[in-house]
Structure formats: structure tokens, C-alpha cells
Amino acid sequence: MDIVALILSIALEVGVPPHFALAIAYTENRSLNPYAINYNRNGTIDRGVMQLNSRYFNVRWYCAETNVRAGIRHIRWLMDQWEGNTFWIVAVAYNAGLSASRSDRPPGAALTYADDVMRRWYELAPYEFSVLVY
């Protein structure tokens, strides 16, 4: 199964809008490379398709299915924490963490990230976006 199909199917299974999950994946890792690694200034490492942070995720990150499943379950968890709120704030939380998304001043980079996710989601599936966002 290719990675896009994997993301869409797991998102449906977990109850996350499929193209929202895909938009997050593309914003995290444009090539959807399961072996992608990003070293952060704080010493943590973001890994895999969903760029899961080593501080919070101890999964077989190089296995695309395991990485995608963990990332989408995290999106679902964030949606549950922000029930009744916007997908934009869920994207902020995916990027900067739940506590940062609940602060009065989330990091500017997380706000830009969330804008990018929403734009990508609209580009990928304007109908899904318009039905779920408006």
C-alpha cells in the first residue's frame, strides 16, 4: 500500500478527516519519506512520515504503518482534547504541543504551521474542508 493510501485509510479507521491527516503529513514531511529525520535544537529528533518527536513517541518510527498510525492516533487525541474547537488549533497542537496550543501566545511558527496545514487541506480536498470547517 502506498503511503498516501495508508494515511487516508488509517485516518478513516481512527475517525480523523482523511485529508486533514494527509495535510499534516505533507506539512511535516513533504516527500512522506518514512526514513526522514529532523534534529531539533533541544536535542530531540523528529522521525518518519509523521515526524514523531523522540521525546514523546517510542515507536518503530521507520515502519511507515507504525509511524502513521501513531501520528494519526495523536491527531485523534488532540481532536478529543479540543472537542468543539477548530481543526486549526489541532494543527497548532500537533506542531507545538497541547500546552502551547492552550497558552495565550502559542509560538509564531506553530501558527504559521497551522495556516499551512489548513491551506494544504483545502488544496487536497476542498469539499471535505468546506463541510468540516464551515
Protein backbone atom coordinates (compact mmCIF):
# COMPACT_ATOMS: atom_id res chain seq x y z
CA MET A 1 0.00 0.00 0.00
CA ASP A 2 1.40 3.41 -0.83
CA ILE A 3 1.81 5.97 1.95
CA VAL A 4 -0.98 8.29 0.83
CA ALA A 5 -3.45 5.39 0.78
CA LEU A 6 -2.12 4.28 4.17
CA ILE A 7 -2.70 7.73 5.67
CA LEU A 8 -6.20 8.02 4.23
CA SER A 9 -7.26 4.53 5.35
CA ILE A 10 -5.88 4.85 8.90
CA ALA A 11 -7.45 8.29 9.27
CA LEU A 12 -10.86 6.88 8.31
CA GLU A 13 -10.36 3.97 10.72
CA VAL A 14 -9.45 6.30 13.61
CA GLY A 15 -12.08 8.96 12.87
CA VAL A 16 -9.83 11.76 11.63
CA PRO A 17 -10.77 13.65 8.46
CA PRO A 18 -8.56 11.81 5.94
CA HIS A 19 -7.26 14.81 4.04
CA PHE A 20 -6.64 16.75 7.27
CA ALA A 21 -4.31 13.91 8.32
CA LEU A 22 -2.71 13.97 4.88
CA ALA A 23 -2.26 17.76 5.09
CA ILE A 24 -0.46 17.37 8.41
CA ALA A 25 1.73 14.61 6.96
CA TYR A 26 2.64 16.74 3.92
CA THR A 27 3.35 19.77 6.12
CA GLU A 28 5.60 17.66 8.34
CA ASN A 29 7.33 15.71 5.57
CA ARG A 30 6.65 16.87 2.01
CA SER A 31 8.09 13.69 0.47
CA LEU A 32 6.32 11.42 3.00
CA ASN A 33 9.69 9.72 3.46
CA PRO A 34 9.41 7.04 6.17
CA TYR A 35 13.13 7.44 6.91
CA ALA A 36 13.09 11.23 7.28
CA ILE A 37 14.90 12.56 10.33
CA ASN A 38 14.97 16.10 11.68
CA TYR A 39 17.29 17.06 14.53
CA ASN A 40 15.82 19.75 16.79
CA ARG A 41 17.75 22.38 18.70
CA ASN A 42 16.55 20.94 22.02
CA GLY A 43 18.25 17.60 21.29
CA THR A 44 15.10 15.70 20.31
CA ILE A 45 14.62 14.06 16.94
CA ASP A 46 11.53 14.08 14.69
CA ARG A 47 11.25 10.88 12.69
CA GLY A 48 9.32 9.20 9.92
CA VAL A 49 6.34 10.10 7.79
CA MET A 50 4.54 11.96 10.60
CA GLN A 51 7.77 13.36 12.10
CA LEU A 52 7.05 11.97 15.56
CA ASN A 53 9.20 13.53 18.27
CA SER A 54 11.57 11.21 20.14
CA ARG A 55 10.63 12.79 23.49
CA TYR A 56 7.03 11.58 23.22
CA PHE A 57 6.97 8.65 20.81
CA ASN A 58 8.88 5.43 21.24
CA VAL A 59 7.64 3.52 18.21
CA ARG A 60 9.27 1.73 15.31
CA TRP A 61 9.42 5.08 13.55
CA TYR A 62 10.98 3.69 10.36
CA CYS A 63 7.95 1.43 9.81
CA ALA A 64 5.61 3.63 7.80
CA GLU A 65 2.45 1.98 9.09
CA THR A 66 3.50 2.19 12.75
CA ASN A 67 4.60 5.81 12.36
CA VAL A 68 1.45 6.88 10.50
CA ARG A 69 -0.83 5.03 12.93
CA ALA A 70 0.84 6.69 15.95
CA GLY A 71 0.71 10.13 14.31
CA ILE A 72 -2.96 9.84 13.37
CA ARG A 73 -3.91 8.48 16.78
CA HIS A 74 -2.17 11.53 18.21
CA ILE A 75 -4.24 13.78 15.92
CA ARG A 76 -7.40 11.98 17.15
CA TRP A 77 -6.31 12.50 20.76
CA LEU A 78 -5.74 16.20 20.10
CA MET A 79 -9.17 16.44 18.47
CA ASP A 80 -10.67 14.92 21.62
CA GLN A 81 -8.81 17.44 23.81
CA TRP A 82 -10.12 20.32 21.67
CA GLU A 83 -13.63 18.90 21.15
CA GLY A 84 -15.88 21.55 19.67
CA ASN A 85 -12.97 23.72 18.58
CA THR A 86 -11.31 24.18 15.22
CA PHE A 87 -9.02 21.92 13.26
CA TRP A 88 -6.66 24.89 13.07
CA ILE A 89 -5.98 24.68 16.81
CA VAL A 90 -5.49 20.91 16.49
CA ALA A 91 -2.78 21.65 13.91
CA VAL A 92 -1.18 24.17 16.30
CA ALA A 93 -1.17 21.48 18.99
CA TYR A 94 0.30 18.85 16.64
CA ASN A 95 3.18 21.20 15.92
CA ALA A 96 3.82 22.81 19.30
CA GLY A 97 2.14 20.53 21.83
CA LEU A 98 -1.13 20.68 23.70
CA SER A 99 0.11 23.05 26.41
CA ALA A 100 1.46 25.50 23.82
CA SER A 101 -1.86 25.43 21.97
CA ARG A 102 -3.66 26.28 25.20
CA SER A 103 -1.42 29.21 26.05
CA ASP A 104 -2.36 32.81 25.37
CA ARG A 105 0.54 33.09 22.93
CA PRO A 106 1.39 29.91 21.01
CA PRO A 107 4.70 30.09 19.14
CA GLY A 108 4.51 32.05 15.90
CA ALA A 109 5.97 29.11 13.98
CA ALA A 110 3.08 26.92 15.17
CA LEU A 111 0.56 29.49 13.94
CA THR A 112 2.22 29.57 10.53
CA TYR A 113 2.33 25.76 10.53
CA ALA A 114 -1.42 25.58 11.25
CA ASP A 115 -2.13 28.04 8.42
CA ASP A 116 -0.06 25.83 6.09
CA VAL A 117 -1.97 22.71 7.16
CA MET A 118 -5.33 24.37 6.54
CA ARG A 119 -4.23 25.63 3.11
CA ARG A 120 -2.96 22.19 2.14
CA TRP A 121 -6.15 20.54 3.38
CA TYR A 122 -8.22 22.89 1.23
CA GLU A 123 -6.00 22.19 -1.78
CA LEU A 124 -6.22 18.41 -1.27
CA ALA A 125 -9.95 18.16 -0.67
CA PRO A 126 -11.94 21.40 -0.88
CA TYR A 127 -15.26 19.62 -0.36
CA GLU A 128 -14.13 17.77 2.79
CA PHE A 129 -12.56 21.00 4.06
CA SER A 130 -15.67 23.11 3.46
CA VAL A 131 -18.06 20.56 5.01
CA LEU A 132 -15.96 20.10 8.16
CA VAL A 133 -14.64 23.61 8.67
CA TYR A 134 -17.58 25.82 7.80
